[in-house]
Amino acid sequence: MYTSKSRCAKLVVSALVLAAVVDGIAGPVLAANPAPATALVVHGGAGTIIKGQMTPELEEQYRAKLSAALLAGQAILQAGGSSLDSVVAVLKILEDSPLFNAGKGAVFTADGSNEMDAAIMDGATGKAGAVAFVTQVKNPITAARAVMDHTEHVMLAGAGADSFAVAQGLELAEPEYFYTDRRWDQLQKAREEDNAAKTGNMSQDTPRPYLGTVGALALDQQGRLAAATSTGGMTNKRFGRIGDTPIIGAGTWADPKCAVSATGHGEYFIRFAVASDICARARYLDISVEAAAETVIHEVLPAAGGTGGVITLDDQGQISMPFNTEGMYRGFIHGDGDPAILIYK
């Protein structure tokens, strides 16, 4: 039998529970999701994505490809597959599309070639693999996975990485496969801008929209996190430049509690070890991964002049996708739900 005091206490508890539920409904959509059995988040690059310059047809192509990638990864997770297999499946679809700066859509270097980077990390074991400036691997993320699975190393680069891919029997592609008119035209424009800057007709600080990356994070039914990132680098890059994508801790990171994939001006992400720093901040400061990511992307990077964004995923399936540019191709899917795709702020 309840006393009046115990009944009062019960009513107070009920009111607090109701308030929490209402607060969750009213709060940010991403934070309100209950922890799902599986989760998957993807990005297709951040930068100058101006809505007024995006045709409805092109926007639909981006949304459709990101959705297809998420659904492919979801199918693996729902079947009990690993987070590692899921992120590789997601990135292969994006690497096969000319829409994104990775694989088929890779940008051109200053000498008119394509040099691609990729990395993958297993949050459960801490194992990682990466390749830098590969030139003939159709899907660079498969080469990164092979480095992780079949060598004692973390990163292979250049001709050695290409030779390793051949020895592993990975699918290769001729240089013509990576050619697209869109990326070639971007190279010509970048060259013109460089010449203008040298003659004093354009500021050296003019922003370059010729960046891009693809990345994916997954949480599988066993609670294991994985991160993967792939890129064609920076248009008109010289001297074998390597960005943050294949550098574990800079553009790619996964541990038992947190996973991150980055996109943007790679030099800044390297200098501040952005991917691992976000997870470390969350752990050491006892804050959410989302809060840590917001601080790094909106405070730490801008203070140094860095631009870009990240996607994050924690072991409870909570995601965040902060960026400090005009837009970032991004999306997520929880459990057996439908894909959610976003582009602009």
C-alpha atoms as a PDB file:
ATOM      1  CA  MET A   1       0.000   0.000   0.000  1.00  0.00           C
ATOM      2  CA  TYR A   2       1.427   3.378  -1.002  1.00  0.00           C
ATOM      3  CA  THR A   3       1.613   6.147   1.556  1.00  0.00           C
ATOM      4  CA  SER A   4       0.894   9.692   0.431  1.00  0.00           C
ATOM      5  CA  LYS A   5       4.637  10.382   0.629  1.00  0.00           C
ATOM      6  CA  SER A   6       5.566   7.375  -1.522  1.00  0.00           C
ATOM      7  CA  ARG A   7       2.860   8.217  -4.029  1.00  0.00           C
ATOM      8  CA  CYS A   8       4.203  11.761  -4.223  1.00  0.00           C
ATOM      9  CA  ALA A   9       7.707  10.424  -4.894  1.00  0.00           C
ATOM     10  CA  LYS A  10       6.365   8.170  -7.631  1.00  0.00           C
ATOM     11  CA  LEU A  11       4.598  11.091  -9.281  1.00  0.00           C
ATOM     12  CA  VAL A  12       7.785  13.148  -9.167  1.00  0.00           C
ATOM     13  CA  VAL A  13       9.768  10.334 -10.805  1.00  0.00           C
ATOM     14  CA  SER A  14       7.090   9.945 -13.492  1.00  0.00           C
ATOM     15  CA  ALA A  15       7.172  13.654 -14.177  1.00  0.00           C
ATOM     16  CA  LEU A  16      10.960  13.580 -14.517  1.00  0.00           C
ATOM     17  CA  VAL A  17      10.779  10.662 -16.950  1.00  0.00           C
ATOM     18  CA  LEU A  18       8.123  12.453 -19.002  1.00  0.00           C
ATOM     19  CA  ALA A  19      10.214  15.628 -19.030  1.00  0.00           C
ATOM     20  CA  ALA A  20      13.220  13.677 -20.247  1.00  0.00           C
ATOM     21  CA  VAL A  21      11.174  12.147 -23.047  1.00  0.00           C
ATOM     22  CA  VAL A  22       9.759  15.507 -24.095  1.00  0.00           C
ATOM     23  CA  ASP A  23      13.210  17.060 -23.928  1.00  0.00           C
ATOM     24  CA  GLY A  24      14.549  14.289 -26.153  1.00  0.00           C
ATOM     25  CA  ILE A  25      11.803  14.899 -28.690  1.00  0.00           C
ATOM     26  CA  ALA A  26      12.436  18.620 -28.723  1.00  0.00           C
ATOM     27  CA  GLY A  27      16.218  18.301 -28.810  1.00  0.00           C
ATOM     28  CA  PRO A  28      18.568  17.574 -31.729  1.00  0.00           C
ATOM     29  CA  VAL A  29      17.320  14.712 -33.888  1.00  0.00           C
ATOM     30  CA  LEU A  30      20.696  12.961 -33.964  1.00  0.00           C
ATOM     31  CA  ALA A  31      21.104  13.018 -30.187  1.00  0.00           C
ATOM     32  CA  ALA A  32      17.564  11.741 -29.567  1.00  0.00           C
ATOM     33  CA  ASN A  33      17.967   8.414 -31.345  1.00  0.00           C
ATOM     34  CA  PRO A  34      18.069   5.405 -28.977  1.00  0.00           C
ATOM     35  CA  ALA A  35      21.195   3.288 -29.241  1.00  0.00           C
ATOM     36  CA  PRO A  36      20.560   1.034 -32.271  1.00  0.00           C
ATOM     37  CA  ALA A  37      21.879  -2.461 -32.883  1.00  0.00           C
ATOM     38  CA  THR A  38      23.823  -1.124 -35.860  1.00  0.00           C
ATOM     39  CA  ALA A  39      24.679   2.289 -37.238  1.00  0.00           C
ATOM     40  CA  LEU A  40      26.383   3.627 -40.338  1.00  0.00           C
ATOM     41  CA  VAL A  41      27.439   7.145 -41.315  1.00  0.00           C
ATOM     42  CA  VAL A  42      29.045   8.378 -44.526  1.00  0.00           C
ATOM     43  CA  HIS A  43      30.495  11.557 -46.025  1.00  0.00           C
ATOM     44  CA  GLY A  44      31.353  12.503 -49.587  1.00  0.00           C
ATOM     45  CA  GLY A  45      33.527  15.539 -48.923  1.00  0.00           C
ATOM     46  CA  ALA A  46      33.190  19.053 -47.534  1.00  0.00           C
ATOM     47  CA  GLY A  47      33.878  22.357 -49.237  1.00  0.00           C
ATOM     48  CA  THR A  48      32.330  24.906 -51.548  1.00  0.00           C
ATOM     49  CA  ILE A  49      28.922  23.353 -52.077  1.00  0.00           C
ATOM     50  CA  ILE A  50      26.703  26.241 -53.109  1.00  0.00           C
ATOM     51  CA  LYS A  51      23.027  25.394 -53.337  1.00  0.00           C
ATOM     52  CA  GLY A  52      22.407  28.006 -56.019  1.00  0.00           C
ATOM     53  CA  GLN A  53      24.986  26.353 -58.275  1.00  0.00           C
ATOM     54  CA  MET A  54      23.656  22.817 -57.767  1.00  0.00           C
ATOM     55  CA  THR A  55      21.159  21.624 -60.373  1.00  0.00           C
ATOM     56  CA  PRO A  56      18.284  19.443 -59.151  1.00  0.00           C
ATOM     57  CA  GLU A  57      19.535  16.634 -61.376  1.00  0.00           C
ATOM     58  CA  LEU A  58      23.072  16.726 -59.956  1.00  0.00           C
ATOM     59  CA  GLU A  59      21.805  16.951 -56.387  1.00  0.00           C
ATOM     60  CA  GLU A  60      19.622  13.907 -56.963  1.00  0.00           C
ATOM     61  CA  GLN A  61      22.649  12.002 -58.291  1.00  0.00           C
ATOM     62  CA  TYR A  62      24.599  12.756 -55.123  1.00  0.00           C
ATOM     63  CA  ARG A  63      21.702  11.788 -52.885  1.00  0.00           C
ATOM     64  CA  ALA A  64      21.049   8.577 -54.819  1.00  0.00           C
ATOM     65  CA  LYS A  65      24.687   7.464 -54.711  1.00  0.00           C
ATOM     66  CA  LEU A  66      25.079   8.195 -51.001  1.00  0.00           C
ATOM     67  CA  SER A  67      21.844   6.328 -50.309  1.00  0.00           C
ATOM     68  CA  ALA A  68      22.998   3.347 -52.370  1.00  0.00           C
ATOM     69  CA  ALA A  69      26.271   3.261 -50.455  1.00  0.00           C
ATOM     70  CA  LEU A  70      24.494   3.359 -47.092  1.00  0.00           C
ATOM     71  CA  LEU A  71      22.094   0.594 -48.107  1.00  0.00           C
ATOM     72  CA  ALA A  72      24.978  -1.616 -49.214  1.00  0.00           C
ATOM     73  CA  GLY A  73      26.699  -1.159 -45.878  1.00  0.00           C
ATOM     74  CA  GLN A  74      23.451  -1.648 -43.996  1.00  0.00           C
ATOM     75  CA  ALA A  75      22.790  -4.973 -45.729  1.00  0.00           C
ATOM     76  CA  ILE A  76      26.107  -6.316 -44.426  1.00  0.00           C
ATOM     77  CA  LEU A  77      25.459  -5.087 -40.879  1.00  0.00           C
ATOM     78  CA  GLN A  78      21.909  -6.443 -40.786  1.00  0.00           C
ATOM     79  CA  ALA A  79      23.166  -9.830 -41.946  1.00  0.00           C
ATOM     80  CA  GLY A  80      25.552  -9.923 -38.984  1.00  0.00           C
ATOM     81  CA  GLY A  81      28.596  -8.864 -40.987  1.00  0.00           C
ATOM     82  CA  SER A  82      31.503  -6.884 -39.598  1.00  0.00           C
ATOM     83  CA  SER A  83      31.847  -3.127 -39.436  1.00  0.00           C
ATOM     84  CA  LEU A  84      35.064  -3.485 -41.464  1.00  0.00           C
ATOM     85  CA  ASP A  85      33.282  -5.244 -44.324  1.00  0.00           C
ATOM     86  CA  SER A  86      30.523  -2.648 -44.171  1.00  0.00           C
ATOM     87  CA  VAL A  87      32.747   0.429 -44.528  1.00  0.00           C
ATOM     88  CA  VAL A  88      34.686  -1.177 -47.385  1.00  0.00           C
ATOM     89  CA  ALA A  89      31.443  -1.907 -49.247  1.00  0.00           C
ATOM     90  CA  VAL A  90      30.280   1.681 -48.745  1.00  0.00           C
ATOM     91  CA  LEU A  91      33.509   3.216 -50.013  1.00  0.00           C
ATOM     92  CA  LYS A  92      33.776   0.944 -53.035  1.00  0.00           C
ATOM     93  CA  ILE A  93      30.455   2.318 -54.287  1.00  0.00           C
ATOM     94  CA  LEU A  94      31.631   5.902 -53.814  1.00  0.00           C
ATOM     95  CA  GLU A  95      35.046   5.152 -55.342  1.00  0.00           C
ATOM     96  CA  ASP A  96      33.296   3.740 -58.421  1.00  0.00           C
ATOM     97  CA  SER A  97      31.361   6.980 -58.934  1.00  0.00           C
ATOM     98  CA  PRO A  98      32.792   9.983 -60.826  1.00  0.00           C
ATOM     99  CA  LEU A  99      30.846  12.267 -58.468  1.00  0.00           C
ATOM    100  CA  PHE A 100      33.343  11.983 -55.619  1.00  0.00           C
ATOM    101  CA  ASN A 101      37.046  12.704 -55.316  1.00  0.00           C
ATOM    102  CA  ALA A 102      38.120   9.093 -54.840  1.00  0.00           C
ATOM    103  CA  GLY A 103      38.779   6.217 -57.215  1.00  0.00           C
ATOM    104  CA  LYS A 104      37.021   6.891 -60.526  1.00  0.00           C
ATOM    105  CA  GLY A 105      36.417  10.539 -59.631  1.00  0.00           C
ATOM    106  CA  ALA A 106      39.917  11.281 -58.339  1.00  0.00           C
ATOM    107  CA  VAL A 107      41.307  14.727 -59.111  1.00  0.00           C
ATOM    108  CA  PHE A 108      44.466  15.303 -61.160  1.00  0.00           C
ATOM    109  CA  THR A 109      47.925  16.169 -59.881  1.00  0.00           C
ATOM    110  CA  ALA A 110      50.019  18.989 -61.339  1.00  0.00           C
ATOM    111  CA  ASP A 111      51.525  16.604 -63.899  1.00  0.00           C
ATOM    112  CA  GLY A 112      48.107  15.354 -65.021  1.00  0.00           C
ATOM    113  CA  SER A 113      48.094  11.993 -63.240  1.00  0.00           C
ATOM    114  CA  ASN A 114      45.954  10.505 -60.481  1.00  0.00           C
ATOM    115  CA  GLU A 115      47.475   9.658 -57.091  1.00  0.00           C
ATOM    116  CA  MET A 116      45.085   8.189 -54.543  1.00  0.00           C
ATOM    117  CA  ASP A 117      45.190   7.628 -50.786  1.00  0.00           C
ATOM    118  CA  ALA A 118      43.057   5.472 -48.480  1.00  0.00           C
ATOM    119  CA  ALA A 119      42.993   4.151 -44.924  1.00  0.00           C
ATOM    120  CA  ILE A 120      40.989   1.807 -42.728  1.00  0.00           C
ATOM    121  CA  MET A 121      41.042   1.140 -38.976  1.00  0.00           C
ATOM    122  CA  ASP A 122      39.493  -1.547 -36.792  1.00  0.00           C
ATOM    123  CA  GLY A 123      38.284  -0.020 -33.533  1.00  0.00           C
ATOM    124  CA  ALA A 124      38.094  -3.373 -31.764  1.00  0.00           C
ATOM    125  CA  THR A 125      41.747  -4.326 -32.284  1.00  0.00           C
ATOM    126  CA  GLY A 126      43.499  -1.049 -33.110  1.00  0.00           C
ATOM    127  CA  LYS A 127      44.801  -2.552 -36.352  1.00  0.00           C
ATOM    128  CA  ALA A 128      45.026  -0.209 -39.342  1.00  0.00           C
ATOM    129  CA  GLY A 129      46.094  -0.161 -42.964  1.00  0.00           C
ATOM    130  CA  ALA A 130      46.751   2.627 -45.437  1.00  0.00           C
ATOM    131  CA  VAL A 131      48.069   3.339 -48.920  1.00  0.00           C
ATOM    132  CA  ALA A 132      49.341   6.615 -50.333  1.00  0.00           C
ATOM    133  CA  PHE A 133      49.588   7.874 -53.933  1.00  0.00           C
ATOM    134  CA  VAL A 134      48.595   4.584 -55.552  1.00  0.00           C
ATOM    135  CA  THR A 135      48.000   4.981 -59.280  1.00  0.00           C
ATOM    136  CA  GLN A 136      46.500   1.776 -60.630  1.00  0.00           C
ATOM    137  CA  VAL A 137      44.242   0.302 -57.918  1.00  0.00           C
ATOM    138  CA  LYS A 138      40.596   0.567 -58.949  1.00  0.00           C
ATOM    139  CA  ASN A 139      39.422   0.699 -55.334  1.00  0.00           C
ATOM    140  CA  PRO A 140      42.163   2.074 -53.074  1.00  0.00           C
ATOM    141  CA  ILE A 141      40.218   1.157 -49.928  1.00  0.00           C
ATOM    142  CA  THR A 142      40.689  -2.534 -50.808  1.00  0.00           C
ATOM    143  CA  ALA A 143      44.453  -1.978 -50.889  1.00  0.00           C
ATOM    144  CA  ALA A 144      44.339  -0.318 -47.467  1.00  0.00           C
ATOM    145  CA  ARG A 145      42.352  -3.280 -46.115  1.00  0.00           C
ATOM    146  CA  ALA A 146      44.903  -5.693 -47.602  1.00  0.00           C
ATOM    147  CA  VAL A 147      47.771  -3.835 -45.933  1.00  0.00           C
ATOM    148  CA  MET A 148      45.981  -4.191 -42.595  1.00  0.00           C
ATOM    149  CA  ASP A 149      45.073  -7.849 -43.084  1.00  0.00           C
ATOM    150  CA  HIS A 150      48.119  -9.246 -44.866  1.00  0.00           C
ATOM    151  CA  THR A 151      51.191  -7.283 -43.751  1.00  0.00           C
ATOM    152  CA  GLU A 152      52.905  -6.254 -40.536  1.00  0.00           C
ATOM    153  CA  HIS A 153      52.890  -2.643 -41.755  1.00  0.00           C
ATOM    154  CA  VAL A 154      50.417   0.219 -41.489  1.00  0.00           C
ATOM    155  CA  MET A 155      51.165   2.242 -44.634  1.00  0.00           C
ATOM    156  CA  LEU A 156      52.554   1.456 -48.078  1.00  0.00           C
ATOM    157  CA  ALA A 157      53.141   4.202 -50.634  1.00  0.00           C
ATOM    158  CA  GLY A 158      53.787   4.814 -54.309  1.00  0.00           C
ATOM    159  CA  ALA A 159      55.174   2.087 -56.556  1.00  0.00           C
ATOM    160  CA  GLY A 160      55.550  -0.254 -53.601  1.00  0.00           C
ATOM    161  CA  ALA A 161      51.865   0.035 -52.756  1.00  0.00           C
ATOM    162  CA  ASP A 162      50.903  -0.584 -56.381  1.00  0.00           C
ATOM    163  CA  SER A 163      53.178  -3.650 -56.532  1.00  0.00           C
ATOM    164  CA  PHE A 164      51.631  -4.960 -53.324  1.00  0.00           C
ATOM    165  CA  ALA A 165      48.143  -4.527 -54.817  1.00  0.00           C
ATOM    166  CA  VAL A 166      49.191  -6.537 -57.865  1.00  0.00           C
ATOM    167  CA  ALA A 167      50.619  -9.298 -55.661  1.00  0.00           C
ATOM    168  CA  GLN A 168      47.365  -9.387 -53.693  1.00  0.00           C
ATOM    169  CA  GLY A 169      45.337  -9.843 -56.863  1.00  0.00           C
ATOM    170  CA  LEU A 170      43.346  -6.656 -56.332  1.00  0.00           C
ATOM    171  CA  GLU A 171      41.381  -5.214 -59.237  1.00  0.00           C
ATOM    172  CA  LEU A 172      43.477  -2.745 -61.224  1.00  0.00           C
ATOM    173  CA  ALA A 173      42.592  -0.038 -63.731  1.00  0.00           C
ATOM    174  CA  GLU A 174      44.420   1.730 -66.552  1.00  0.00           C
ATOM    175  CA  PRO A 175      45.042   5.498 -66.272  1.00  0.00           C
ATOM    176  CA  GLU A 176      42.220   6.139 -68.760  1.00  0.00           C
ATOM    177  CA  TYR A 177      39.716   4.713 -66.279  1.00  0.00           C
ATOM    178  CA  PHE A 178      40.347   7.580 -63.859  1.00  0.00           C
ATOM    179  CA  TYR A 179      39.988  10.313 -66.480  1.00  0.00           C
ATOM    180  CA  THR A 180      36.866  12.496 -66.333  1.00  0.00           C
ATOM    181  CA  ASP A 181      36.289  15.775 -68.163  1.00  0.00           C
ATOM    182  CA  ARG A 182      35.093  17.404 -64.948  1.00  0.00           C
ATOM    183  CA  ARG A 183      38.321  16.708 -63.055  1.00  0.00           C
ATOM    184  CA  TRP A 184      40.489  17.612 -66.053  1.00  0.00           C
ATOM    185  CA  ASP A 185      38.715  20.967 -66.360  1.00  0.00           C
ATOM    186  CA  GLN A 186      39.289  21.570 -62.643  1.00  0.00           C
ATOM    187  CA  LEU A 187      43.008  21.016 -63.154  1.00  0.00           C
ATOM    188  CA  GLN A 188      43.112  23.582 -65.965  1.00  0.00           C
ATOM    189  CA  LYS A 189      41.297  26.111 -63.791  1.00  0.00           C
ATOM    190  CA  ALA A 190      43.665  25.470 -60.881  1.00  0.00           C
ATOM    191  CA  ARG A 191      46.646  26.006 -63.172  1.00  0.00           C
ATOM    192  CA  GLU A 192      45.169  29.299 -64.369  1.00  0.00           C
ATOM    193  CA  GLU A 193      44.627  30.409 -60.776  1.00  0.00           C
ATOM    194  CA  ASP A 194      48.215  29.527 -59.892  1.00  0.00           C
ATOM    195  CA  ASN A 195      49.518  31.551 -62.809  1.00  0.00           C
ATOM    196  CA  ALA A 196      47.308  34.479 -61.845  1.00  0.00           C
ATOM    197  CA  ALA A 197      48.587  34.325 -58.275  1.00  0.00           C
ATOM    198  CA  LYS A 198      52.216  34.324 -59.459  1.00  0.00           C
ATOM    199  CA  THR A 199      51.635  37.435 -61.534  1.00  0.00           C
ATOM    200  CA  GLY A 200      49.852  39.194 -58.695  1.00  0.00           C
ATOM    201  CA  ASN A 201      46.412  39.052 -60.290  1.00  0.00           C
ATOM    202  CA  MET A 202      44.933  36.814 -57.636  1.00  0.00           C
ATOM    203  CA  SER A 203      45.458  36.428 -53.919  1.00  0.00           C
ATOM    204  CA  GLN A 204      47.389  33.382 -52.763  1.00  0.00           C
ATOM    205  CA  ASP A 205      44.662  32.974 -50.123  1.00  0.00           C
ATOM    206  CA  THR A 206      41.866  32.398 -52.645  1.00  0.00           C
ATOM    207  CA  PRO A 207      40.022  29.282 -51.436  1.00  0.00           C
ATOM    208  CA  ARG A 208      40.354  26.174 -53.564  1.00  0.00           C
ATOM    209  CA  PRO A 209      37.215  24.069 -53.956  1.00  0.00           C
ATOM    210  CA  TYR A 210      39.180  21.260 -55.608  1.00  0.00           C
ATOM    211  CA  LEU A 211      39.330  19.057 -52.549  1.00  0.00           C
ATOM    212  CA  GLY A 212      37.270  16.091 -51.510  1.00  0.00           C
ATOM    213  CA  THR A 213      37.202  12.802 -49.702  1.00  0.00           C
ATOM    214  CA  VAL A 214      34.829   9.945 -48.999  1.00  0.00           C
ATOM    215  CA  GLY A 215      34.538   8.253 -45.648  1.00  0.00           C
ATOM    216  CA  ALA A 216      32.421   5.778 -43.728  1.00  0.00           C
ATOM    217  CA  LEU A 217      32.011   4.643 -40.123  1.00  0.00           C
ATOM    218  CA  ALA A 218      30.106   1.580 -38.939  1.00  0.00           C
ATOM    219  CA  LEU A 219      28.955  -0.053 -35.706  1.00  0.00           C
ATOM    220  CA  ASP A 220      28.122  -3.733 -36.107  1.00  0.00           C
ATOM    221  CA  GLN A 221      25.938  -6.106 -34.083  1.00  0.00           C
ATOM    222  CA  GLN A 222      28.944  -7.154 -32.008  1.00  0.00           C
ATOM    223  CA  GLY A 223      29.514  -3.519 -30.976  1.00  0.00           C
ATOM    224  CA  ARG A 224      32.669  -3.133 -33.060  1.00  0.00           C
ATOM    225  CA  LEU A 225      33.489   0.202 -34.689  1.00  0.00           C
ATOM    226  CA  ALA A 226      35.404   0.726 -37.933  1.00  0.00           C
ATOM    227  CA  ALA A 227      36.489   3.768 -39.931  1.00  0.00           C
ATOM    228  CA  ALA A 228      37.547   4.109 -43.568  1.00  0.00           C
ATOM    229  CA  THR A 229      38.506   7.079 -45.745  1.00  0.00           C
ATOM    230  CA  SER A 230      39.558   7.413 -49.405  1.00  0.00           C
ATOM    231  CA  THR A 231      40.574  10.357 -51.590  1.00  0.00           C
ATOM    232  CA  GLY A 232      42.160  11.532 -54.799  1.00  0.00           C
ATOM    233  CA  GLY A 233      43.845  14.314 -52.833  1.00  0.00           C
ATOM    234  CA  MET A 234      44.134  17.925 -53.908  1.00  0.00           C
ATOM    235  CA  THR A 235      43.835  19.169 -57.489  1.00  0.00           C
ATOM    236  CA  ASN A 236      47.179  20.347 -58.906  1.00  0.00           C
ATOM    237  CA  LYS A 237      49.133  18.863 -55.989  1.00  0.00           C
ATOM    238  CA  ARG A 238      52.885  18.528 -56.476  1.00  0.00           C
ATOM    239  CA  PHE A 239      55.888  16.487 -55.344  1.00  0.00           C
ATOM    240  CA  GLY A 240      54.020  13.418 -54.110  1.00  0.00           C
ATOM    241  CA  ARG A 241      51.970  15.377 -51.575  1.00  0.00           C
ATOM    242  CA  ILE A 242      50.122  13.216 -49.050  1.00  0.00           C
ATOM    243  CA  GLY A 243      47.125  14.563 -47.152  1.00  0.00           C
ATOM    244  CA  ASP A 244      45.481  13.488 -43.933  1.00  0.00           C
ATOM    245  CA  THR A 245      43.362  10.626 -45.316  1.00  0.00           C
ATOM    246  CA  PRO A 246      45.939   7.797 -45.065  1.00  0.00           C
ATOM    247  CA  ILE A 247      47.511   9.112 -41.863  1.00  0.00           C
ATOM    248  CA  ILE A 248      46.076   7.203 -38.929  1.00  0.00           C
ATOM    249  CA  GLY A 249      44.963   9.702 -36.303  1.00  0.00           C
ATOM    250  CA  ALA A 250      44.724  12.624 -38.699  1.00  0.00           C
ATOM    251  CA  GLY A 251      42.018  11.736 -41.224  1.00  0.00           C
ATOM    252  CA  THR A 252      41.027   8.276 -40.024  1.00  0.00           C
ATOM    253  CA  TRP A 253      40.613   6.803 -36.549  1.00  0.00           C
ATOM    254  CA  ALA A 254      38.676   4.112 -34.693  1.00  0.00           C
ATOM    255  CA  ASP A 255      38.940   2.746 -31.145  1.00  0.00           C
ATOM    256  CA  PRO A 256      36.502   0.703 -29.018  1.00  0.00           C
ATOM    257  CA  LYS A 257      34.418   3.787 -28.159  1.00  0.00           C
ATOM    258  CA  CYS A 258      34.804   6.253 -31.022  1.00  0.00           C
ATOM    259  CA  ALA A 259      35.352   6.422 -34.796  1.00  0.00           C
ATOM    260  CA  VAL A 260      36.119   9.427 -37.019  1.00  0.00           C
ATOM    261  CA  SER A 261      36.592  10.107 -40.742  1.00  0.00           C
ATOM    262  CA  ALA A 262      37.673  13.562 -41.881  1.00  0.00           C
ATOM    263  CA  THR A 263      37.461  15.683 -45.018  1.00  0.00           C
ATOM    264  CA  GLY A 264      38.892  19.096 -45.817  1.00  0.00           C
ATOM    265  CA  HIS A 265      42.267  20.836 -46.096  1.00  0.00           C
ATOM    266  CA  GLY A 266      44.406  17.896 -45.032  1.00  0.00           C
ATOM    267  CA  GLU A 267      47.467  19.812 -43.858  1.00  0.00           C
ATOM    268  CA  TYR A 268      45.484  21.238 -40.933  1.00  0.00           C
ATOM    269  CA  PHE A 269      44.006  17.853 -40.023  1.00  0.00           C
ATOM    270  CA  ILE A 270      47.531  16.424 -39.917  1.00  0.00           C
ATOM    271  CA  ARG A 271      48.918  19.259 -37.796  1.00  0.00           C
ATOM    272  CA  PHE A 272      46.188  18.888 -35.194  1.00  0.00           C
ATOM    273  CA  ALA A 273      45.796  15.075 -35.386  1.00  0.00           C
ATOM    274  CA  VAL A 274      42.100  15.803 -35.723  1.00  0.00           C
ATOM    275  CA  ALA A 275      40.596  12.314 -35.913  1.00  0.00           C
ATOM    276  CA  SER A 276      42.344  10.869 -32.865  1.00  0.00           C
ATOM    277  CA  ASP A 277      42.160  14.177 -30.980  1.00  0.00           C
ATOM    278  CA  ILE A 278      38.358  14.146 -31.119  1.00  0.00           C
ATOM    279  CA  CYS A 279      38.206  10.685 -29.570  1.00  0.00           C
ATOM    280  CA  ALA A 280      40.873  11.573 -26.989  1.00  0.00           C
ATOM    281  CA  ARG A 281      39.009  14.730 -25.938  1.00  0.00           C
ATOM    282  CA  ALA A 282      35.820  12.739 -25.469  1.00  0.00           C
ATOM    283  CA  ARG A 283      37.633  10.171 -23.342  1.00  0.00           C
ATOM    284  CA  TYR A 284      39.849  12.428 -21.230  1.00  0.00           C
ATOM    285  CA  LEU A 285      37.310  15.220 -20.680  1.00  0.00           C
ATOM    286  CA  ASP A 286      34.445  12.760 -20.179  1.00  0.00           C
ATOM    287  CA  ILE A 287      32.294  14.505 -22.785  1.00  0.00           C
ATOM    288  CA  SER A 288      30.336  13.208 -25.764  1.00  0.00           C
ATOM    289  CA  VAL A 289      32.102  12.522 -29.035  1.00  0.00           C
ATOM    290  CA  GLU A 290      29.733  15.036 -30.612  1.00  0.00           C
ATOM    291  CA  ALA A 291      30.819  17.784 -28.196  1.00  0.00           C
ATOM    292  CA  ALA A 292      34.480  17.002 -28.835  1.00  0.00           C
ATOM    293  CA  ALA A 293      33.977  17.109 -32.602  1.00  0.00           C
ATOM    294  CA  GLU A 294      32.120  20.418 -32.435  1.00  0.00           C
ATOM    295  CA  THR A 295      34.995  21.996 -30.499  1.00  0.00           C
ATOM    296  CA  VAL A 296      37.671  20.792 -32.899  1.00  0.00           C
ATOM    297  CA  ILE A 297      35.796  21.681 -36.100  1.00  0.00           C
ATOM    298  CA  HIS A 298      34.335  25.012 -34.994  1.00  0.00           C
ATOM    299  CA  GLU A 299      37.051  26.317 -32.668  1.00  0.00           C
ATOM    300  CA  VAL A 300      40.435  24.599 -33.001  1.00  0.00           C
ATOM    301  CA  LEU A 301      40.637  24.357 -36.808  1.00  0.00           C
ATOM    302  CA  PRO A 302      39.195  27.799 -37.700  1.00  0.00           C
ATOM    303  CA  ALA A 303      41.602  29.472 -35.275  1.00  0.00           C
ATOM    304  CA  ALA A 304      44.456  28.141 -37.412  1.00  0.00           C
ATOM    305  CA  GLY A 305      42.714  28.741 -40.749  1.00  0.00           C
ATOM    306  CA  GLY A 306      41.659  25.132 -41.322  1.00  0.00           C
ATOM    307  CA  THR A 307      38.478  24.196 -43.165  1.00  0.00           C
ATOM    308  CA  GLY A 308      36.581  20.933 -43.460  1.00  0.00           C
ATOM    309  CA  GLY A 309      34.467  18.571 -41.442  1.00  0.00           C
ATOM    310  CA  VAL A 310      34.212  15.147 -39.873  1.00  0.00           C
ATOM    311  CA  ILE A 311      31.739  12.378 -39.285  1.00  0.00           C
ATOM    312  CA  THR A 312      31.806  10.624 -35.925  1.00  0.00           C
ATOM    313  CA  LEU A 313      30.209   7.528 -34.439  1.00  0.00           C
ATOM    314  CA  ASP A 314      30.381   6.192 -30.904  1.00  0.00           C
ATOM    315  CA  ASP A 315      29.804   2.731 -29.456  1.00  0.00           C
ATOM    316  CA  GLN A 316      26.181   3.626 -28.646  1.00  0.00           C
ATOM    317  CA  GLY A 317      25.368   4.480 -32.253  1.00  0.00           C
ATOM    318  CA  GLN A 318      25.317   8.234 -31.675  1.00  0.00           C
ATOM    319  CA  ILE A 319      26.583  10.237 -34.651  1.00  0.00           C
ATOM    320  CA  SER A 320      27.653  13.780 -35.415  1.00  0.00           C
ATOM    321  CA  MET A 321      28.612  15.442 -38.698  1.00  0.00           C
ATOM    322  CA  PRO A 322      30.038  18.948 -37.993  1.00  0.00           C
ATOM    323  CA  PHE A 323      31.707  21.038 -40.700  1.00  0.00           C
ATOM    324  CA  ASN A 324      32.828  24.659 -41.083  1.00  0.00           C
ATOM    325  CA  THR A 325      32.440  24.934 -44.863  1.00  0.00           C
ATOM    326  CA  GLU A 326      29.409  25.801 -46.982  1.00  0.00           C
ATOM    327  CA  GLY A 327      28.330  22.196 -47.192  1.00  0.00           C
ATOM    328  CA  MET A 328      29.285  18.561 -46.742  1.00  0.00           C
ATOM    329  CA  TYR A 329      27.835  15.548 -48.528  1.00  0.00           C
ATOM    330  CA  ARG A 330      26.775  13.283 -45.684  1.00  0.00           C
ATOM    331  CA  GLY A 331      24.255  10.716 -44.536  1.00  0.00           C
ATOM    332  CA  PHE A 332      23.476   8.082 -41.955  1.00  0.00           C
ATOM    333  CA  ILE A 333      21.320   5.052 -41.281  1.00  0.00           C
ATOM    334  CA  HIS A 334      20.354   3.361 -38.029  1.00  0.00           C
ATOM    335  CA  GLY A 335      19.428  -0.308 -37.684  1.00  0.00           C
ATOM    336  CA  ASP A 336      17.025  -1.376 -40.413  1.00  0.00           C
ATOM    337  CA  GLY A 337      15.831   2.184 -41.044  1.00  0.00           C
ATOM    338  CA  ASP A 338      15.993   4.333 -44.151  1.00  0.00           C
ATOM    339  CA  PRO A 339      18.948   6.469 -45.234  1.00  0.00           C
ATOM    340  CA  ALA A 340      18.994  10.155 -44.301  1.00  0.00           C
ATOM    341  CA  ILE A 341      21.012  12.332 -46.721  1.00  0.00           C
ATOM    342  CA  LEU A 342      22.112  15.933 -46.142  1.00  0.00           C
ATOM    343  CA  ILE A 343      24.249  18.313 -48.185  1.00  0.00           C
ATOM    344  CA  TYR A 344      23.925  21.905 -47.008  1.00  0.00           C
ATOM    345  CA  LYS A 345      24.067  23.501 -43.572  1.00  0.00           C
END
